[in-house]
Amino acid sequence: MFPLPTDEEERLQDLLDYQILDTVPERQYDDLTKIAAQICGTPISLISLLDGERQWFKSRHGIDATQTPRSQAFCAHAICRPDEVLVVEDALKDGRFTNNPLVQQEPKIRFYAGTPLLTTNGHAIGTLCVIDKTPRQLTTQQMEALEALGRQVIAQLELRRKAIQLEAEVKRRQEIAQVATEKSKKLAQALENLQKAQITLVHAEKMSALGRLVAGVAHEINNPINFIHGNLHHCQTYLEELLNLVSLYKKHYPNPHEDITAVLTELDLEYITEDFPPLFSSMFVGANRIKTVVNLLRMFSRLDESTIKFTDLHENLDATISLMGVHLAGNGKRPSIQVVRDYGDLPLVDCAIGQLNQCFMQVLLNAIEALDQGVGDSYPPDTPPTITVRTETVEPDRVRIAISDNGLGMSDELRRQAFDPFYTTKSVGKGIGMGLAISHQIIVNLHGGMLSCLSEPGKGTAFIMEIYRSFPARESES
């Protein structure tokens, strides 16, 4: 049998929390037992930890055994009085140890001094002890040094426990980083898909459905882009916290476990730290760009306004031109198309602006396609591909919008058939020839205006729209 301290259950739990039992020898502990033996002048020194049935030696100096039964342990007595060093000057004269096998047999202990190892919770989990085969005493200085070394053992155990906790936290943060990375990939893919949706939209030729299409796309994009923009902030925060944690770990624990070192080497942490800020910056720019596009789409289709309303045509022309940005940019075959805005002083116009925007887009698309067809003829530097948008008041009650290009132009035959339904010069699958026909219906039939085409081969093309300041239905009512 062996004595039990009053806090045995709590003491054992503290010992288990250190996760130290049955681990391999470590130099920082071996150095402490070596120093203890040298200071006290003994041949043997041990860091002894007591679990339920044994004493196990985390470090041993001058002895080969790795553990003994707890019933034979001098340390079992030492931990029962955690506030003092247990000193046995001659074990053969101490009734507690006279018949102990470790006294009667090898290593034939005669002298023992052990300072309890107290955890931060105040529980003794073992001792740092020195042992000799002859009776002896320790000086006051030697006793104080032994106690100081015992505190260093606990300090090492605490550092080890914190390192284990930090490793677990690093692993958890790495899992968070993995999730954040996956989210970032999904967000980037979502942004790419939204951009493709924008391009698909501006290519649509079925003008009768374009207004509803724009309205639907703007509504569908608005919610996910807000989700993307909001989550980008969270992803950035998670990753900044993770990088800060890893930086602190590297600062305070410069010699981490080899598994952590391998992961840090594989991650190339310096590159990641430098790459994340511009990566998130570009994603924020992309998200904000999509939000801008949504606002332009809403203006284009006038989702929140009545069908007929007095409207600033210049504002809507600018919005439509902005939506065409991807088509106006250089494409490797021709330089970027310049857009010249030659705006006159227009009054507000009473019109179905959503449908007029569709006409503006269709005519702009036609002009861009005409300029694309001229890529075989290089554009001189002084005459780059250009679209001119000109507006003016032609009579007190009418306004004119002319959209012209400096492309190859059209023959008289093509010009005369431009507004015919299902007439197209495109190859199969590229369009059904309804865009200009529907535009003609919107301008002429709905607004009571005029839509004409002026063109000559080699001199470009101009589409001219004229509408009344007041919507025809209102005129008839008055």
Protein backbone atom coordinates (compact mmCIF):
# COMPACT_ATOMS: atom_id res chain seq x y z
CA MET A 1 0.00 0.00 0.00
CA PHE A 2 1.00 3.63 -0.40
CA PRO A 3 -0.29 6.88 1.06
CA LEU A 4 -2.88 8.84 -0.94
CA PRO A 5 -3.03 12.64 -1.01
CA THR A 6 -6.40 14.21 -0.25
CA ASP A 7 -6.63 15.65 -3.79
CA GLU A 8 -5.83 12.36 -5.57
CA GLU A 9 -8.62 12.62 -8.16
CA GLU A 10 -7.83 16.21 -9.12
CA ARG A 11 -4.08 15.45 -9.09
CA LEU A 12 -4.50 12.58 -11.54
CA GLN A 13 -6.62 14.75 -13.84
CA ASP A 14 -3.94 17.45 -13.92
CA LEU A 15 -1.34 14.79 -14.78
CA LEU A 16 -3.46 13.46 -17.65
CA ASP A 17 -4.03 16.98 -18.96
CA TYR A 18 -0.29 17.38 -19.56
CA GLN A 19 -0.33 14.37 -21.95
CA ILE A 20 3.22 13.58 -20.81
CA LEU A 21 3.07 9.97 -19.62
CA ASP A 22 5.02 7.42 -21.69
CA THR A 23 6.49 10.06 -23.99
CA VAL A 24 10.05 9.86 -25.34
CA PRO A 25 12.98 11.48 -23.50
CA GLU A 26 13.40 15.20 -24.16
CA ARG A 27 16.58 17.18 -23.71
CA GLN A 28 15.04 20.06 -21.78
CA TYR A 29 14.00 17.66 -19.00
CA ASP A 30 17.25 15.66 -19.11
CA ASP A 31 19.21 18.89 -18.65
CA LEU A 32 17.28 19.62 -15.44
CA THR A 33 17.97 16.21 -13.87
CA LYS A 34 21.65 16.48 -14.82
CA ILE A 35 21.92 19.93 -13.21
CA ALA A 36 20.08 18.73 -10.09
CA ALA A 37 22.53 15.82 -9.65
CA GLN A 38 25.53 18.12 -10.12
CA ILE A 39 24.27 20.75 -7.65
CA CYS A 40 23.34 18.22 -4.98
CA GLY A 41 26.37 15.98 -5.62
CA THR A 42 24.33 12.80 -6.07
CA PRO A 43 24.76 10.04 -8.65
CA ILE A 44 21.04 9.77 -9.38
CA SER A 45 18.37 12.35 -10.24
CA LEU A 46 14.83 11.74 -11.51
CA ILE A 47 11.73 13.54 -12.74
CA SER A 48 9.13 11.17 -11.35
CA LEU A 49 5.43 11.34 -12.25
CA LEU A 50 2.89 9.27 -10.32
CA ASP A 51 -0.25 7.90 -11.93
CA GLY A 52 -2.68 5.52 -10.24
CA GLU A 53 -0.39 2.49 -9.88
CA ARG A 54 3.18 3.46 -10.79
CA GLN A 55 5.84 6.11 -10.80
CA TRP A 56 7.11 6.81 -14.30
CA PHE A 57 10.34 8.67 -14.99
CA LYS A 58 10.08 11.43 -17.59
CA SER A 59 13.82 11.96 -17.16
CA ARG A 60 16.41 9.82 -15.38
CA HIS A 61 20.07 10.50 -14.63
CA GLY A 62 22.29 7.70 -13.31
CA ILE A 63 19.71 4.92 -13.45
CA ASP A 64 18.32 2.68 -16.21
CA ALA A 65 14.85 1.92 -14.86
CA THR A 66 11.93 3.76 -16.51
CA GLN A 67 9.31 3.11 -13.83
CA THR A 68 8.59 1.37 -10.53
CA PRO A 69 5.41 0.37 -8.67
CA ARG A 70 3.90 3.30 -6.82
CA SER A 71 3.97 1.21 -3.63
CA GLN A 72 7.81 1.38 -3.70
CA ALA A 73 8.02 5.08 -4.58
CA PHE A 74 9.58 7.52 -2.12
CA CYS A 75 7.80 10.15 -4.23
CA ALA A 76 4.41 8.72 -3.19
CA HIS A 77 5.18 10.08 0.29
CA ALA A 78 6.57 13.37 -1.02
CA ILE A 79 3.39 14.36 -2.90
CA CYS A 80 1.32 14.00 0.28
CA ARG A 81 3.11 17.06 1.68
CA PRO A 82 3.25 19.30 -1.41
CA ASP A 83 4.49 22.40 0.41
CA GLU A 84 7.86 21.02 1.49
CA VAL A 85 10.83 19.02 0.25
CA LEU A 86 10.85 15.44 1.52
CA VAL A 87 14.35 14.59 2.80
CA VAL A 88 15.33 11.07 3.92
CA GLU A 89 18.93 11.25 5.16
CA ASP A 90 19.24 7.50 5.80
CA ALA A 91 16.50 5.21 4.50
CA LEU A 92 17.67 2.29 6.69
CA LYS A 93 16.84 4.36 9.75
CA ASP A 94 13.40 5.54 8.46
CA GLY A 95 10.62 3.10 9.30
CA ARG A 96 8.70 4.03 6.16
CA PHE A 97 11.47 2.78 3.89
CA THR A 98 13.60 0.27 5.85
CA ASN A 99 12.05 -2.75 4.09
CA ASN A 100 11.53 -1.05 0.71
CA PRO A 101 12.89 -3.27 -2.12
CA LEU A 102 14.61 -0.21 -3.59
CA VAL A 103 16.53 0.13 -0.31
CA GLN A 104 17.29 -3.53 0.27
CA GLN A 105 18.12 -4.21 -3.38
CA GLU A 106 19.49 -2.17 -6.29
CA PRO A 107 19.77 0.73 -6.50
CA LYS A 108 20.11 0.44 -2.66
CA ILE A 109 18.78 3.89 -1.87
CA ARG A 110 20.08 5.40 1.38
CA PHE A 111 19.53 9.13 0.74
CA TYR A 112 16.51 10.77 -0.96
CA ALA A 113 15.41 14.40 -1.41
CA GLY A 114 12.37 15.22 -3.54
CA THR A 115 10.65 18.53 -4.23
CA PRO A 116 6.97 18.15 -5.26
CA LEU A 117 6.02 19.29 -8.77
CA LEU A 118 3.02 21.56 -8.20
CA THR A 119 0.68 22.36 -11.11
CA THR A 120 -0.89 25.77 -11.58
CA ASN A 121 -3.93 24.31 -9.80
CA GLY A 122 -1.79 23.46 -6.74
CA HIS A 123 -1.76 19.66 -7.18
CA ALA A 124 1.45 17.60 -6.85
CA ILE A 125 1.81 15.29 -9.86
CA GLY A 126 5.30 14.00 -8.97
CA THR A 127 8.73 15.15 -7.87
CA LEU A 128 12.15 16.23 -8.98
CA CYS A 129 14.33 14.11 -6.72
CA VAL A 130 18.00 13.32 -6.07
CA ILE A 131 19.19 9.94 -4.73
CA ASP A 132 22.41 8.61 -3.25
CA LYS A 133 23.60 5.18 -2.09
CA THR A 134 25.13 6.64 1.07
CA PRO A 135 23.55 8.72 3.84
CA ARG A 136 24.01 12.45 3.46
CA GLN A 137 22.48 15.92 3.96
CA LEU A 138 21.78 18.89 1.66
CA THR A 139 22.80 22.44 2.37
CA THR A 140 20.22 25.21 2.42
CA GLN A 141 21.52 26.43 -0.94
CA GLN A 142 21.20 22.95 -2.44
CA MET A 143 17.62 22.64 -1.15
CA GLU A 144 16.69 26.02 -2.64
CA ALA A 145 18.29 25.10 -5.95
CA LEU A 146 16.38 21.79 -6.02
CA GLU A 147 13.09 23.65 -5.46
CA ALA A 148 13.94 26.16 -8.19
CA LEU A 149 14.69 23.35 -10.64
CA GLY A 150 11.38 21.73 -9.70
CA ARG A 151 9.58 24.92 -10.68
CA GLN A 152 11.41 24.80 -14.01
CA VAL A 153 10.11 21.28 -14.60
CA ILE A 154 6.55 22.56 -14.17
CA ALA A 155 7.34 25.54 -16.42
CA GLN A 156 8.47 23.12 -19.14
CA LEU A 157 5.34 21.03 -18.70
CA GLU A 158 3.18 24.15 -18.99
CA LEU A 159 5.01 25.22 -22.16
CA ARG A 160 4.52 21.75 -23.58
CA ARG A 161 0.81 21.78 -22.78
CA LYS A 162 0.38 25.22 -24.34
CA ALA A 163 2.26 24.04 -27.42
CA ILE A 164 -0.12 21.09 -27.73
CA GLN A 165 -3.09 23.41 -27.32
CA LEU A 166 -1.62 25.77 -29.88
CA GLU A 167 -1.04 22.92 -32.32
CA ALA A 168 -4.69 21.95 -31.92
CA GLU A 169 -5.71 25.57 -32.46
CA VAL A 170 -3.47 25.85 -35.52
CA LYS A 171 -5.07 22.70 -36.91
CA ARG A 172 -8.53 24.13 -36.24
CA ARG A 173 -7.58 27.41 -37.89
CA GLN A 174 -6.14 25.52 -40.85
CA GLU A 175 -9.48 23.79 -41.21
CA ILE A 176 -11.17 27.21 -41.04
CA ALA A 177 -8.70 28.49 -43.64
CA GLN A 178 -9.53 25.53 -45.85
CA VAL A 179 -13.23 26.30 -45.54
CA ALA A 180 -12.53 29.99 -46.20
CA THR A 181 -10.43 29.08 -49.24
CA GLU A 182 -13.20 26.88 -50.60
CA LYS A 183 -15.69 29.69 -50.00
CA SER A 184 -13.37 32.11 -51.76
CA LYS A 185 -13.20 29.77 -54.75
CA LYS A 186 -16.98 29.46 -54.79
CA LEU A 187 -17.36 33.23 -54.47
CA ALA A 188 -14.89 33.78 -57.30
CA GLN A 189 -16.78 31.25 -59.42
CA ALA A 190 -20.06 32.97 -58.56
CA LEU A 191 -18.60 36.33 -59.65
CA GLU A 192 -17.43 34.76 -62.90
CA ASN A 193 -20.87 33.24 -63.47
CA LEU A 194 -22.52 36.59 -62.82
CA GLN A 195 -20.20 38.28 -65.30
CA LYS A 196 -21.09 35.63 -67.85
CA ALA A 197 -24.76 36.31 -67.12
CA GLN A 198 -24.16 40.00 -67.91
CA ILE A 199 -22.45 39.15 -71.21
CA THR A 200 -25.26 36.74 -72.10
CA LEU A 201 -27.79 39.45 -71.37
CA VAL A 202 -26.27 42.07 -73.66
CA HIS A 203 -26.07 39.54 -76.49
CA ALA A 204 -29.80 38.74 -76.35
CA GLU A 205 -31.65 39.63 -79.59
CA LYS A 206 -35.20 38.73 -78.69
CA MET A 207 -36.18 42.29 -77.91
CA SER A 208 -39.79 41.60 -76.97
CA ALA A 209 -38.59 39.61 -73.94
CA LEU A 210 -35.44 41.61 -73.17
CA GLY A 211 -37.09 43.97 -70.69
CA ARG A 212 -38.42 41.07 -68.61
CA LEU A 213 -35.07 39.30 -68.96
CA VAL A 214 -33.13 42.31 -67.67
CA ALA A 215 -35.55 42.78 -64.79
CA GLY A 216 -35.24 39.13 -63.80
CA VAL A 217 -31.46 39.04 -64.06
CA ALA A 218 -31.07 42.25 -62.05
CA HIS A 219 -33.28 40.83 -59.33
CA GLU A 220 -31.50 37.45 -59.33
CA ILE A 221 -28.04 39.04 -59.26
CA ASN A 222 -28.86 41.56 -56.53
CA ASN A 223 -29.34 39.01 -53.73
CA PRO A 224 -26.32 36.76 -54.38
CA ILE A 225 -23.97 39.68 -54.95
CA ASN A 226 -24.95 41.13 -51.56
CA PHE A 227 -24.25 37.67 -50.07
CA ILE A 228 -20.89 37.51 -51.82
CA HIS A 229 -19.88 41.02 -50.79
CA GLY A 230 -20.84 40.40 -47.15
CA ASN A 231 -19.05 37.03 -46.90
CA LEU A 232 -15.86 38.41 -48.42
CA HIS A 233 -15.43 40.53 -45.27
CA HIS A 234 -15.84 37.44 -43.06
CA CYS A 235 -13.39 35.40 -45.16
CA GLN A 236 -10.85 38.22 -44.95
CA THR A 237 -11.28 38.47 -41.14
CA TYR A 238 -10.89 34.69 -40.66
CA LEU A 239 -7.72 34.61 -42.73
CA GLU A 240 -6.23 37.68 -41.05
CA GLU A 241 -6.86 36.08 -37.63
CA LEU A 242 -5.28 32.83 -38.79
CA LEU A 243 -2.19 34.57 -40.18
CA ASN A 244 -1.85 36.61 -36.97
CA LEU A 245 -2.09 33.44 -34.88
CA VAL A 246 0.57 31.67 -36.95
CA SER A 247 2.79 34.76 -36.71
CA LEU A 248 2.47 34.77 -32.89
CA TYR A 249 3.18 31.04 -32.80
CA LYS A 250 6.35 31.49 -34.86
CA LYS A 251 7.42 34.37 -32.60
CA HIS A 252 6.87 32.64 -29.24
CA TYR A 253 7.59 29.04 -30.29
CA PRO A 254 10.45 29.25 -32.80
CA ASN A 255 11.09 25.49 -32.59
CA PRO A 256 7.67 23.87 -33.20
CA HIS A 257 6.94 20.18 -33.64
CA GLU A 258 8.30 18.76 -36.89
CA ASP A 259 4.75 18.18 -38.22
CA ILE A 260 4.00 21.90 -37.90
CA THR A 261 7.34 22.82 -39.50
CA ALA A 262 6.53 20.57 -42.46
CA VAL A 263 3.09 22.16 -42.92
CA LEU A 264 4.48 25.71 -42.65
CA THR A 265 7.15 24.88 -45.24
CA GLU A 266 4.56 23.43 -47.61
CA LEU A 267 2.20 26.40 -47.18
CA ASP A 268 4.86 29.03 -48.08
CA LEU A 269 3.41 31.34 -45.42
CA GLU A 270 5.28 34.44 -46.60
CA TYR A 271 3.79 34.13 -50.08
CA ILE A 272 0.29 33.57 -48.67
CA THR A 273 0.65 36.59 -46.37
CA GLU A 274 1.68 38.78 -49.31
CA ASP A 275 -0.88 37.34 -51.74
CA PHE A 276 -4.05 37.50 -49.63
CA PRO A 277 -4.45 41.34 -49.47
CA PRO A 278 -4.34 41.87 -53.28
CA LEU A 279 -6.45 38.72 -53.76
CA PHE A 280 -9.23 40.02 -51.53
CA SER A 281 -8.84 43.53 -52.94
CA SER A 282 -9.46 42.23 -56.47
CA MET A 283 -12.48 40.24 -55.26
CA PHE A 284 -13.93 43.34 -53.55
CA VAL A 285 -13.37 45.30 -56.77
CA GLY A 286 -15.14 42.58 -58.73
CA ALA A 287 -18.06 42.45 -56.30
CA ASN A 288 -18.45 46.23 -56.39
CA ARG A 289 -18.31 46.14 -60.19
CA ILE A 290 -21.16 43.61 -60.27
CA LYS A 291 -23.18 45.80 -57.88
CA THR A 292 -22.63 48.70 -60.29
CA VAL A 293 -23.83 46.53 -63.15
CA VAL A 294 -26.96 45.62 -61.17
CA ASN A 295 -27.74 49.31 -60.71
CA LEU A 296 -27.24 49.89 -64.43
CA LEU A 297 -29.52 46.97 -65.22
CA ARG A 298 -32.19 48.36 -62.92
CA MET A 299 -31.95 51.71 -64.68
CA PHE A 300 -31.97 49.98 -68.05
CA SER A 301 -35.24 48.16 -67.38
CA ARG A 302 -36.74 50.76 -64.99
CA LEU A 303 -37.85 48.03 -62.61
CA ASP A 304 -39.18 50.42 -60.02
CA GLU A 305 -40.92 52.96 -62.28
CA SER A 306 -44.24 53.09 -64.10
CA THR A 307 -44.28 52.04 -67.78
CA ILE A 308 -44.69 55.58 -69.17
CA LYS A 309 -42.81 58.40 -67.50
CA PHE A 310 -40.98 61.66 -68.21
CA THR A 311 -37.34 60.58 -68.44
CA ASP A 312 -33.82 61.91 -68.98
CA LEU A 313 -32.74 60.16 -72.21
CA HIS A 314 -29.06 61.04 -71.69
CA GLU A 315 -29.01 59.22 -68.37
CA ASN A 316 -30.40 56.09 -70.00
CA LEU A 317 -28.09 56.30 -73.01
CA ASP A 318 -25.12 56.48 -70.61
CA ALA A 319 -26.39 53.45 -68.69
CA THR A 320 -26.82 51.43 -71.87
CA ILE A 321 -23.34 52.38 -73.12
CA SER A 322 -21.87 51.33 -69.77
CA LEU A 323 -23.51 47.92 -70.10
CA MET A 324 -21.85 47.53 -73.49
CA GLY A 325 -18.36 48.03 -72.03
CA VAL A 326 -17.21 44.46 -72.61
CA HIS A 327 -18.15 44.69 -76.30
CA LEU A 328 -16.54 48.10 -76.75
CA ALA A 329 -13.19 46.92 -75.38
CA GLY A 330 -10.39 45.80 -77.68
CA ASN A 331 -10.62 42.13 -78.59
CA GLY A 332 -7.27 41.26 -80.17
CA LYS A 333 -8.64 41.81 -83.68
CA ARG A 334 -9.44 45.50 -83.39
CA PRO A 335 -8.63 48.29 -80.92
CA SER A 336 -11.15 49.55 -78.38
CA ILE A 337 -14.16 51.32 -79.83
CA GLN A 338 -14.36 54.99 -78.90
CA VAL A 339 -17.79 56.35 -78.01
CA VAL A 340 -18.33 60.04 -78.76
CA ARG A 341 -21.24 61.60 -76.90
CA ASP A 342 -22.50 64.64 -78.79
CA TYR A 343 -25.47 65.49 -76.59
CA GLY A 344 -27.73 68.43 -77.25
CA ASP A 345 -29.96 70.20 -74.76
CA LEU A 346 -32.88 67.76 -74.44
CA PRO A 347 -35.99 68.20 -72.32
CA LEU A 348 -37.45 65.33 -70.33
CA VAL A 349 -39.28 62.96 -72.68
CA ASP A 350 -42.54 61.15 -71.87
CA CYS A 351 -41.87 57.58 -73.03
CA ALA A 352 -41.73 53.85 -72.30
CA ILE A 353 -38.09 54.10 -71.26
CA GLY A 354 -37.58 50.39 -70.60
CA GLN A 355 -38.43 49.57 -74.19
CA LEU A 356 -36.48 52.54 -75.56
CA ASN A 357 -33.42 51.23 -73.71
CA GLN A 358 -33.85 47.99 -75.62
CA CYS A 359 -33.76 49.94 -78.87
CA PHE A 360 -30.62 51.82 -77.81
CA MET A 361 -28.91 48.54 -76.96
CA GLN A 362 -29.89 46.86 -80.23
CA VAL A 363 -28.64 49.76 -82.36
CA LEU A 364 -25.38 49.90 -80.38
CA LEU A 365 -24.92 46.15 -80.85
CA ASN A 366 -25.44 46.57 -84.60
CA ALA A 367 -22.81 49.33 -84.69
CA ILE A 368 -20.31 47.18 -82.74
CA GLU A 369 -20.90 44.23 -85.07
CA ALA A 370 -20.37 46.50 -88.08
CA LEU A 371 -17.04 47.64 -86.65
CA ASP A 372 -16.06 44.03 -85.91
CA GLN A 373 -16.70 43.15 -89.55
CA GLY A 374 -14.12 45.74 -90.57
CA VAL A 375 -11.25 44.14 -88.67
CA GLY A 376 -9.71 42.92 -91.93
CA ASP A 377 -9.07 46.55 -92.86
CA SER A 378 -6.69 48.00 -90.27
CA TYR A 379 -7.92 51.17 -88.58
CA PRO A 380 -5.42 54.03 -89.01
CA PRO A 381 -4.28 55.59 -85.71
CA ASP A 382 -6.03 58.85 -86.57
CA THR A 383 -9.37 57.12 -87.31
CA PRO A 384 -9.96 54.45 -84.66
CA PRO A 385 -13.27 52.51 -84.63
CA THR A 386 -15.81 55.00 -83.36
CA ILE A 387 -19.49 55.15 -82.44
CA THR A 388 -21.06 58.59 -82.19
CA VAL A 389 -24.23 59.17 -80.18
CA ARG A 390 -25.82 62.51 -81.06
CA THR A 391 -29.01 63.99 -79.58
CA GLU A 392 -30.91 67.16 -80.45
CA THR A 393 -34.32 68.79 -80.40
CA VAL A 394 -35.54 68.94 -84.01
CA GLU A 395 -38.89 70.60 -83.38
CA PRO A 396 -40.48 71.98 -80.23
CA ASP A 397 -42.30 68.68 -79.70
CA ARG A 398 -39.76 66.15 -81.05
CA VAL A 399 -36.27 64.86 -80.17
CA ARG A 400 -33.77 62.94 -82.28
CA ILE A 401 -31.25 60.28 -81.26
CA ALA A 402 -28.70 59.30 -83.92
CA ILE A 403 -26.24 56.42 -83.38
CA SER A 404 -23.60 56.15 -86.12
CA ASP A 405 -20.40 54.19 -86.73
CA ASN A 406 -17.43 54.50 -89.08
CA GLY A 407 -17.56 50.86 -90.16
CA LEU A 408 -17.84 49.35 -93.66
CA GLY A 409 -21.39 50.57 -94.27
CA MET A 410 -24.20 48.75 -96.12
CA SER A 411 -25.44 48.47 -99.66
CA ASP A 412 -28.83 49.95 -100.57
CA GLU A 413 -30.34 46.46 -100.68
CA LEU A 414 -29.22 45.60 -97.16
CA ARG A 415 -30.28 49.02 -95.86
CA ARG A 416 -33.81 48.63 -97.28
CA GLN A 417 -34.25 45.24 -95.62
CA ALA A 418 -32.72 46.19 -92.26
CA PHE A 419 -36.09 46.45 -90.47
CA ASP A 420 -37.73 43.41 -92.07
CA PRO A 421 -38.65 40.67 -89.57
CA PHE A 422 -36.41 37.57 -89.72
CA TYR A 423 -33.99 39.20 -92.13
CA THR A 424 -30.37 38.64 -91.10
CA THR A 425 -26.92 38.51 -92.69
CA LYS A 426 -25.55 36.38 -89.84
CA SER A 427 -24.72 32.69 -90.09
CA VAL A 428 -27.10 30.03 -88.74
CA GLY A 429 -27.30 30.10 -84.96
CA LYS A 430 -26.04 33.69 -84.62
CA GLY A 431 -29.43 35.41 -84.64
CA ILE A 432 -32.92 35.35 -86.15
CA GLY A 433 -33.11 38.92 -87.45
CA MET A 434 -35.76 40.28 -85.07
CA GLY A 435 -33.74 42.92 -83.17
CA LEU A 436 -34.16 45.88 -85.53
CA ALA A 437 -37.68 44.79 -86.50
CA ILE A 438 -38.82 44.95 -82.87
CA SER A 439 -36.93 48.25 -82.39
CA HIS A 440 -38.87 49.63 -85.37
CA GLN A 441 -42.12 48.50 -83.76
CA ILE A 442 -41.23 50.20 -80.45
CA ILE A 443 -40.23 53.51 -82.06
CA VAL A 444 -42.87 53.71 -84.80
CA ASN A 445 -45.89 51.77 -83.54
CA LEU A 446 -45.62 52.38 -79.79
CA HIS A 447 -44.19 55.91 -79.69
CA GLY A 448 -45.51 57.18 -83.02
CA GLY A 449 -42.00 58.19 -84.05
CA MET A 450 -39.62 57.39 -86.89
CA LEU A 451 -36.68 54.99 -87.23
CA SER A 452 -34.49 55.26 -90.32
CA CYS A 453 -31.14 54.01 -91.55
CA LEU A 454 -28.54 55.97 -93.54
CA SER A 455 -25.57 54.09 -94.95
CA GLU A 456 -23.10 53.90 -97.81
CA PRO A 457 -20.46 51.26 -98.45
CA GLY A 458 -17.16 52.40 -96.94
CA LYS A 459 -18.73 55.37 -95.13
CA GLY A 460 -20.37 53.80 -92.10
CA THR A 461 -23.96 53.56 -90.94
CA ALA A 462 -26.32 55.77 -88.92
CA PHE A 463 -29.60 54.78 -87.25
CA ILE A 464 -31.83 57.78 -86.52
CA MET A 465 -34.66 57.65 -83.98
CA GLU A 466 -37.19 60.44 -83.58
CA ILE A 467 -39.92 60.48 -80.92
CA TYR A 468 -42.33 63.04 -79.52
CA ARG A 469 -41.74 64.72 -76.19
CA SER A 470 -45.18 63.55 -75.05
CA PHE A 471 -46.32 59.96 -75.32
CA PRO A 472 -48.98 59.62 -78.08
CA ALA A 473 -51.63 58.20 -75.74
CA ARG A 474 -51.36 61.28 -73.53
CA GLU A 475 -51.62 63.55 -76.57
CA SER A 476 -54.87 61.88 -77.66
CA GLU A 477 -56.28 62.14 -74.14
CA SER A 478 -55.62 65.86 -74.08
